[in-house]
Amino acid sequence: MDSNTTTPLSPKWQFRFNFFEQHGAPNTPTFKAAYKELPFGQKLKVNFNFFALFFSWIYLLILGMWRKALTILGMTIVLMVLASFMPAVVARGVWIGWSLLIAMTANYSYYQEKVKGNVSWNPFQGMRW
């Protein structure tokens, strides 16, 4: 772990960070193979963050990832403008998808920032696509 981690991590974050450390980024074959072997609950632990699902950029800001939080906030504002021109059903689907995307990227982004020292503005770096 990086020396700039001032507070001890919870067991949940330690599990996530250890998994990323051992198997790499979510877009690597090693990660994908190891991820398939995990039970459902541990898959959720590694690849999904419920706080990020509901609080998006605010949660990233609380974690200290202000660059990524500002990027998500900017993209959310753009989506808000675009969604105002869409039918309500489509806009709801866009918001659900956007929230799920943030929830699926938060854990690896936090790992990159805390362990690897990568403080980029890209919240989707190293993801599956």
N, C-alpha and C. Protein backbone atom coordinates (compact mmCIF):
# COMPACT_ATOMS: atom_id res chain seq x y z
N MET A 1 0.83 -1.19 0.00
CA MET A 1 0.00 0.00 0.00
C MET A 1 0.87 1.25 0.00
N ASP A 2 0.31 2.27 -0.47
CA ASP A 2 0.97 3.55 -0.59
C ASP A 2 1.09 4.21 0.78
N SER A 3 2.12 4.97 0.97
CA SER A 3 2.33 5.62 2.27
C SER A 3 1.39 6.80 2.48
N ASN A 4 0.69 7.28 1.41
CA ASN A 4 -0.21 8.42 1.61
C ASN A 4 -1.57 7.99 2.13
N THR A 5 -1.79 6.71 2.38
CA THR A 5 -3.01 6.24 3.00
C THR A 5 -2.87 6.48 4.50
N THR A 6 -3.56 7.50 5.00
CA THR A 6 -3.37 7.90 6.39
C THR A 6 -4.28 7.15 7.35
N THR A 7 -5.44 6.75 6.90
CA THR A 7 -6.34 6.03 7.78
C THR A 7 -6.35 4.55 7.38
N PRO A 8 -6.48 3.68 8.37
CA PRO A 8 -6.53 2.25 8.03
C PRO A 8 -7.80 1.95 7.23
N LEU A 9 -7.67 1.04 6.30
CA LEU A 9 -8.81 0.68 5.46
C LEU A 9 -9.66 -0.37 6.15
N SER A 10 -10.95 -0.33 5.86
CA SER A 10 -11.85 -1.34 6.39
C SER A 10 -11.54 -2.69 5.74
N PRO A 11 -11.97 -3.78 6.34
CA PRO A 11 -11.74 -5.09 5.72
C PRO A 11 -12.31 -5.19 4.30
N LYS A 12 -13.43 -4.52 4.05
CA LYS A 12 -14.03 -4.54 2.72
C LYS A 12 -13.11 -3.90 1.69
N TRP A 13 -12.55 -2.72 2.04
CA TRP A 13 -11.61 -2.05 1.12
C TRP A 13 -10.32 -2.84 0.99
N GLN A 14 -9.86 -3.45 2.07
CA GLN A 14 -8.65 -4.28 1.99
C GLN A 14 -8.87 -5.45 1.04
N PHE A 15 -10.04 -6.08 1.11
CA PHE A 15 -10.35 -7.18 0.20
C PHE A 15 -10.33 -6.70 -1.25
N ARG A 16 -10.98 -5.57 -1.50
CA ARG A 16 -11.02 -5.02 -2.86
C ARG A 16 -9.62 -4.70 -3.36
N PHE A 17 -8.86 -3.98 -2.56
CA PHE A 17 -7.51 -3.58 -2.96
C PHE A 17 -6.61 -4.79 -3.20
N ASN A 18 -6.71 -5.80 -2.33
CA ASN A 18 -5.92 -7.02 -2.51
C ASN A 18 -6.30 -7.73 -3.81
N PHE A 19 -7.58 -7.76 -4.12
CA PHE A 19 -8.02 -8.39 -5.35
C PHE A 19 -7.46 -7.66 -6.57
N PHE A 20 -7.54 -6.33 -6.57
CA PHE A 20 -6.99 -5.55 -7.68
C PHE A 20 -5.48 -5.71 -7.77
N GLU A 21 -4.82 -5.76 -6.63
CA GLU A 21 -3.37 -5.91 -6.60
C GLU A 21 -2.95 -7.26 -7.19
N GLN A 22 -3.67 -8.30 -6.85
CA GLN A 22 -3.32 -9.64 -7.32
C GLN A 22 -3.71 -9.87 -8.78
N HIS A 23 -4.82 -9.30 -9.22
CA HIS A 23 -5.38 -9.66 -10.53
C HIS A 23 -5.40 -8.54 -11.55
N GLY A 24 -5.01 -7.34 -11.16
CA GLY A 24 -4.92 -6.24 -12.11
C GLY A 24 -6.23 -5.51 -12.34
N ALA A 25 -6.25 -4.75 -13.42
CA ALA A 25 -7.41 -3.92 -13.77
C ALA A 25 -8.56 -4.77 -14.29
N PRO A 26 -9.79 -4.26 -14.19
CA PRO A 26 -10.94 -5.01 -14.69
C PRO A 26 -10.90 -5.33 -16.18
N ASN A 27 -10.07 -4.65 -16.95
CA ASN A 27 -10.02 -4.93 -18.38
C ASN A 27 -8.95 -5.97 -18.75
N THR A 28 -8.29 -6.57 -17.76
CA THR A 28 -7.26 -7.56 -18.05
C THR A 28 -7.84 -8.98 -18.01
N PRO A 29 -7.28 -9.90 -18.79
CA PRO A 29 -7.76 -11.29 -18.77
C PRO A 29 -7.59 -11.96 -17.40
N THR A 30 -6.53 -11.60 -16.68
CA THR A 30 -6.30 -12.18 -15.36
C THR A 30 -7.44 -11.81 -14.40
N PHE A 31 -7.83 -10.55 -14.43
CA PHE A 31 -8.93 -10.09 -13.58
C PHE A 31 -10.21 -10.83 -13.94
N LYS A 32 -10.52 -10.89 -15.23
CA LYS A 32 -11.76 -11.51 -15.68
C LYS A 32 -11.85 -12.97 -15.25
N ALA A 33 -10.74 -13.69 -15.38
CA ALA A 33 -10.73 -15.11 -14.98
C ALA A 33 -10.93 -15.26 -13.48
N ALA A 34 -10.22 -14.45 -12.69
CA ALA A 34 -10.36 -14.54 -11.23
C ALA A 34 -11.74 -14.08 -10.78
N TYR A 35 -12.27 -13.07 -11.44
CA TYR A 35 -13.59 -12.55 -11.10
C TYR A 35 -14.68 -13.60 -11.31
N LYS A 36 -14.56 -14.38 -12.37
CA LYS A 36 -15.55 -15.43 -12.66
C LYS A 36 -15.60 -16.49 -11.56
N GLU A 37 -14.47 -16.69 -10.88
CA GLU A 37 -14.38 -17.72 -9.84
C GLU A 37 -14.98 -17.28 -8.50
N LEU A 38 -15.20 -15.98 -8.33
CA LEU A 38 -15.72 -15.48 -7.05
C LEU A 38 -17.19 -15.82 -6.86
N PRO A 39 -17.62 -16.05 -5.63
CA PRO A 39 -19.05 -16.17 -5.37
C PRO A 39 -19.74 -14.81 -5.58
N PHE A 40 -21.05 -14.84 -5.76
CA PHE A 40 -21.80 -13.63 -6.10
C PHE A 40 -21.56 -12.48 -5.11
N GLY A 41 -21.57 -12.75 -3.83
CA GLY A 41 -21.37 -11.70 -2.82
C GLY A 41 -20.01 -11.03 -2.94
N GLN A 42 -18.98 -11.81 -3.22
CA GLN A 42 -17.65 -11.22 -3.38
C GLN A 42 -17.52 -10.49 -4.70
N LYS A 43 -18.23 -10.94 -5.73
CA LYS A 43 -18.26 -10.19 -6.99
C LYS A 43 -18.82 -8.80 -6.76
N LEU A 44 -19.91 -8.74 -6.00
CA LEU A 44 -20.50 -7.43 -5.69
C LEU A 44 -19.52 -6.57 -4.89
N LYS A 45 -18.84 -7.19 -3.95
CA LYS A 45 -17.89 -6.44 -3.12
C LYS A 45 -16.77 -5.83 -3.95
N VAL A 46 -16.27 -6.58 -4.93
CA VAL A 46 -15.16 -6.11 -5.76
C VAL A 46 -15.63 -5.08 -6.79
N ASN A 47 -16.76 -5.33 -7.41
CA ASN A 47 -17.11 -4.60 -8.62
C ASN A 47 -18.27 -3.63 -8.47
N PHE A 48 -18.77 -3.41 -7.27
CA PHE A 48 -19.96 -2.56 -7.12
C PHE A 48 -19.89 -1.80 -5.81
N ASN A 49 -20.26 -0.52 -5.85
CA ASN A 49 -20.23 0.30 -4.65
C ASN A 49 -21.60 0.94 -4.48
N PHE A 50 -22.33 0.51 -3.44
CA PHE A 50 -23.69 1.00 -3.24
C PHE A 50 -23.73 2.49 -2.88
N PHE A 51 -22.73 2.99 -2.17
CA PHE A 51 -22.70 4.42 -1.86
C PHE A 51 -22.53 5.23 -3.14
N ALA A 52 -21.68 4.77 -4.04
CA ALA A 52 -21.49 5.46 -5.31
C ALA A 52 -22.75 5.38 -6.17
N LEU A 53 -23.51 4.30 -6.05
CA LEU A 53 -24.75 4.17 -6.80
C LEU A 53 -25.73 5.28 -6.43
N PHE A 54 -25.85 5.56 -5.15
CA PHE A 54 -26.85 6.53 -4.70
C PHE A 54 -26.33 7.95 -4.57
N PHE A 55 -25.01 8.14 -4.37
CA PHE A 55 -24.50 9.48 -4.11
C PHE A 55 -23.50 9.96 -5.16
N SER A 56 -23.19 9.17 -6.14
CA SER A 56 -22.31 9.43 -7.28
C SER A 56 -21.13 10.36 -6.96
N TRP A 57 -21.13 11.54 -7.54
CA TRP A 57 -19.97 12.42 -7.42
C TRP A 57 -19.73 12.88 -5.98
N ILE A 58 -20.77 12.95 -5.18
CA ILE A 58 -20.61 13.37 -3.78
C ILE A 58 -19.77 12.34 -3.03
N TYR A 59 -20.04 11.06 -3.28
CA TYR A 59 -19.27 10.00 -2.63
C TYR A 59 -17.81 10.03 -3.07
N LEU A 60 -17.57 10.25 -4.36
CA LEU A 60 -16.19 10.35 -4.84
C LEU A 60 -15.48 11.52 -4.17
N LEU A 61 -16.18 12.61 -3.99
CA LEU A 61 -15.61 13.77 -3.31
C LEU A 61 -15.27 13.44 -1.86
N ILE A 62 -16.15 12.73 -1.19
CA ILE A 62 -15.91 12.32 0.21
C ILE A 62 -14.67 11.43 0.29
N LEU A 63 -14.48 10.55 -0.69
CA LEU A 63 -13.31 9.67 -0.71
C LEU A 63 -12.02 10.42 -1.04
N GLY A 64 -12.13 11.67 -1.46
CA GLY A 64 -10.95 12.46 -1.77
C GLY A 64 -10.58 12.44 -3.25
N MET A 65 -11.43 11.89 -4.08
CA MET A 65 -11.16 11.85 -5.52
C MET A 65 -11.85 13.03 -6.20
N TRP A 66 -11.41 14.25 -5.88
CA TRP A 66 -12.10 15.44 -6.35
C TRP A 66 -12.02 15.61 -7.86
N ARG A 67 -10.95 15.18 -8.50
CA ARG A 67 -10.86 15.31 -9.96
C ARG A 67 -11.92 14.44 -10.64
N LYS A 68 -12.01 13.21 -10.20
CA LYS A 68 -13.01 12.30 -10.77
C LYS A 68 -14.42 12.77 -10.41
N ALA A 69 -14.60 13.31 -9.22
CA ALA A 69 -15.91 13.82 -8.82
C ALA A 69 -16.34 14.98 -9.72
N LEU A 70 -15.42 15.87 -10.03
CA LEU A 70 -15.76 16.99 -10.91
C LEU A 70 -16.06 16.51 -12.33
N THR A 71 -15.34 15.50 -12.78
CA THR A 71 -15.62 14.93 -14.10
C THR A 71 -17.02 14.33 -14.13
N ILE A 72 -17.35 13.54 -13.11
CA ILE A 72 -18.68 12.93 -13.04
C ILE A 72 -19.76 14.01 -12.92
N LEU A 73 -19.52 15.04 -12.13
CA LEU A 73 -20.48 16.13 -11.99
C LEU A 73 -20.72 16.81 -13.34
N GLY A 74 -19.64 17.10 -14.06
CA GLY A 74 -19.78 17.73 -15.38
C GLY A 74 -20.56 16.86 -16.34
N MET A 75 -20.25 15.58 -16.36
CA MET A 75 -20.96 14.66 -17.25
C MET A 75 -22.42 14.51 -16.82
N THR A 76 -22.68 14.57 -15.53
CA THR A 76 -24.06 14.49 -15.03
C THR A 76 -24.86 15.71 -15.48
N ILE A 77 -24.26 16.87 -15.44
CA ILE A 77 -24.94 18.08 -15.89
C ILE A 77 -25.28 17.98 -17.38
N VAL A 78 -24.33 17.50 -18.16
CA VAL A 78 -24.59 17.32 -19.60
C VAL A 78 -25.74 16.33 -19.80
N LEU A 79 -25.71 15.22 -19.05
CA LEU A 79 -26.79 14.24 -19.15
C LEU A 79 -28.14 14.82 -18.72
N MET A 80 -28.13 15.70 -17.72
CA MET A 80 -29.37 16.34 -17.28
C MET A 80 -29.98 17.17 -18.41
N VAL A 81 -29.12 17.91 -19.11
CA VAL A 81 -29.61 18.73 -20.22
C VAL A 81 -30.16 17.83 -21.33
N LEU A 82 -29.40 16.79 -21.67
CA LEU A 82 -29.86 15.87 -22.72
C LEU A 82 -31.13 15.14 -22.31
N ALA A 83 -31.22 14.73 -21.06
CA ALA A 83 -32.39 13.99 -20.58
C ALA A 83 -33.64 14.86 -20.59
N SER A 84 -33.48 16.16 -20.48
CA SER A 84 -34.66 17.03 -20.49
C SER A 84 -35.36 17.02 -21.84
N PHE A 85 -34.67 16.60 -22.89
CA PHE A 85 -35.26 16.52 -24.22
C PHE A 85 -35.76 15.11 -24.56
N MET A 86 -35.56 14.17 -23.67
CA MET A 86 -35.94 12.78 -23.91
C MET A 86 -37.29 12.48 -23.27
N PRO A 87 -37.98 11.46 -23.78
CA PRO A 87 -39.18 11.00 -23.07
C PRO A 87 -38.80 10.51 -21.66
N ALA A 88 -39.72 10.61 -20.75
CA ALA A 88 -39.44 10.30 -19.35
C ALA A 88 -38.92 8.88 -19.16
N VAL A 89 -39.46 7.92 -19.89
CA VAL A 89 -39.02 6.53 -19.75
C VAL A 89 -37.56 6.38 -20.18
N VAL A 90 -37.20 7.02 -21.27
CA VAL A 90 -35.83 6.95 -21.76
C VAL A 90 -34.88 7.65 -20.78
N ALA A 91 -35.29 8.81 -20.30
CA ALA A 91 -34.46 9.55 -19.34
C ALA A 91 -34.23 8.74 -18.08
N ARG A 92 -35.26 8.06 -17.59
CA ARG A 92 -35.11 7.21 -16.41
C ARG A 92 -34.10 6.10 -16.66
N GLY A 93 -34.17 5.50 -17.83
CA GLY A 93 -33.23 4.45 -18.19
C GLY A 93 -31.80 4.97 -18.26
N VAL A 94 -31.64 6.18 -18.80
CA VAL A 94 -30.31 6.80 -18.86
C VAL A 94 -29.78 7.02 -17.45
N TRP A 95 -30.61 7.50 -16.54
CA TRP A 95 -30.17 7.76 -15.16
C TRP A 95 -29.82 6.48 -14.43
N ILE A 96 -30.59 5.44 -14.66
CA ILE A 96 -30.28 4.16 -14.02
C ILE A 96 -28.95 3.63 -14.54
N GLY A 97 -28.77 3.68 -15.85
CA GLY A 97 -27.51 3.23 -16.44
C GLY A 97 -26.32 4.04 -15.96
N TRP A 98 -26.49 5.36 -15.87
CA TRP A 98 -25.42 6.25 -15.42
C TRP A 98 -25.04 5.94 -13.97
N SER A 99 -26.03 5.74 -13.13
CA SER A 99 -25.77 5.42 -11.72
C SER A 99 -25.05 4.08 -11.59
N LEU A 100 -25.48 3.09 -12.36
CA LEU A 100 -24.81 1.79 -12.32
C LEU A 100 -23.37 1.88 -12.80
N LEU A 101 -23.13 2.68 -13.83
CA LEU A 101 -21.77 2.86 -14.33
C LEU A 101 -20.85 3.45 -13.27
N ILE A 102 -21.32 4.45 -12.58
CA ILE A 102 -20.52 5.08 -11.52
C ILE A 102 -20.27 4.07 -10.39
N ALA A 103 -21.30 3.31 -10.03
CA ALA A 103 -21.16 2.31 -8.96
C ALA A 103 -20.16 1.22 -9.34
N MET A 104 -20.06 0.91 -10.62
CA MET A 104 -19.16 -0.15 -11.06
C MET A 104 -17.71 0.34 -11.25
N THR A 105 -17.50 1.63 -11.28
CA THR A 105 -16.14 2.14 -11.49
C THR A 105 -15.51 2.72 -10.23
N ALA A 106 -16.29 3.00 -9.20
CA ALA A 106 -15.79 3.69 -8.01
C ALA A 106 -14.69 2.92 -7.29
N ASN A 107 -14.85 1.62 -7.11
CA ASN A 107 -13.87 0.85 -6.34
C ASN A 107 -12.50 0.83 -7.01
N TYR A 108 -12.46 0.59 -8.31
CA TYR A 108 -11.16 0.55 -8.99
C TYR A 108 -10.54 1.95 -9.06
N SER A 109 -11.37 2.96 -9.22
CA SER A 109 -10.85 4.33 -9.22
C SER A 109 -10.20 4.67 -7.88
N TYR A 110 -10.84 4.26 -6.79
CA TYR A 110 -10.30 4.52 -5.46
C TYR A 110 -8.99 3.76 -5.27
N TYR A 111 -8.93 2.53 -5.74
CA TYR A 111 -7.70 1.74 -5.68
C TYR A 111 -6.58 2.44 -6.44
N GLN A 112 -6.88 2.91 -7.64
CA GLN A 112 -5.85 3.58 -8.44
C GLN A 112 -5.32 4.82 -7.73
N GLU A 113 -6.22 5.56 -7.11
CA GLU A 113 -5.80 6.79 -6.45
C GLU A 113 -5.02 6.51 -5.16
N LYS A 114 -5.50 5.61 -4.33
CA LYS A 114 -4.88 5.37 -3.03
C LYS A 114 -3.63 4.50 -3.11
N VAL A 115 -3.64 3.48 -3.95
CA VAL A 115 -2.51 2.55 -3.99
C VAL A 115 -1.52 2.92 -5.08
N LYS A 116 -2.02 3.21 -6.25
CA LYS A 116 -1.14 3.48 -7.39
C LYS A 116 -0.75 4.95 -7.51
N GLY A 117 -1.43 5.82 -6.81
CA GLY A 117 -1.12 7.25 -6.88
C GLY A 117 -1.57 7.90 -8.17
N ASN A 118 -2.47 7.27 -8.90
CA ASN A 118 -2.98 7.79 -10.16
C ASN A 118 -4.12 8.76 -9.87
N VAL A 119 -3.87 10.04 -10.05
CA VAL A 119 -4.88 11.06 -9.74
C VAL A 119 -5.43 11.69 -11.02
N SER A 120 -5.73 10.87 -12.01
CA SER A 120 -6.23 11.38 -13.28
C SER A 120 -7.67 11.88 -13.14
N TRP A 121 -8.13 12.54 -14.17
CA TRP A 121 -9.49 13.05 -14.23
C TRP A 121 -10.45 12.00 -14.80
N ASN A 122 -9.93 10.88 -15.28
CA ASN A 122 -10.74 9.87 -15.95
C ASN A 122 -11.26 8.84 -14.94
N PRO A 123 -12.55 8.88 -14.61
CA PRO A 123 -13.10 7.93 -13.65
C PRO A 123 -13.31 6.53 -14.22
N PHE A 124 -13.14 6.37 -15.53
CA PHE A 124 -13.40 5.08 -16.18
C PHE A 124 -12.12 4.39 -16.63
N GLN A 125 -10.99 4.87 -16.20
CA GLN A 125 -9.70 4.31 -16.60
C GLN A 125 -9.54 2.88 -16.09
N GLY A 126 -9.13 1.98 -16.99
CA GLY A 126 -8.87 0.59 -16.62
C GLY A 126 -10.10 -0.28 -16.54
N MET A 127 -11.24 0.23 -16.95
CA MET A 127 -12.47 -0.56 -16.86
C MET A 127 -12.56 -1.53 -18.04
N ARG A 128 -13.61 -2.29 -18.10
CA ARG A 128 -13.74 -3.41 -19.04
C ARG A 128 -13.81 -3.00 -20.51
N TRP A 129 -14.17 -1.84 -20.83
CA TRP A 129 -14.35 -1.47 -22.24
C TRP A 129 -13.12 -0.85 -22.84
